[in-house]
Amino acid sequence: MSVNDIRMFGPGQGTRFIPEWGDDASPNWSESEWRSFGNPNGEYFGGGWEGEPGTLLCDPYPYDEVCIMISGRVALIDLDGNRREFSAGEAFFVPQSFRGTWETVEPSRSSSSRSPDRAHDGGNFDDCRSVWSRDQRNVREPGR
């Protein structure tokens, strides 16, 4: 390993990926993920994210995630209606056990690191009707 293995990550850096969420997303939901790093076994991956206002039901949340807000404002609302908002400069952790709604309140950008559930089998994780591969070299973009 050398300094050439160090990765920059954030919105616009890495491989762009647009998840498909189906009926779990509000009609105005729009987002892009940027996959910048991860290990070959899919035990973790990360990069950037940017989204427009809208909501997404995650029941359950598809992975453990650390988010660092760069700009904008998002909220997480649990199934009991409790709400927490996060804005630029704040960092937060969402456990995979979270059940509720992600709301992008205003156009937002973040950097994140994610650790999918290793109990899933077959290479694809279908929680929240998303499509991605454990091995980021094989990320499948919608429509391909």
Foldseek 3Di string as FASTA:
>chain_A
DDPVPDWDAWPPAADKAWWDQPPQWDPQKGKIAHWIDDDQQLQKTWHKMKIAWTKGWFAFAFWKKKKAWQAAKKWWAAPVGDIDMDGHGDIDIDHRNGGGMIGRHGTTMIIMMTGGDPPDDDQFGCGSHTGAGSGNVPGDHPPD
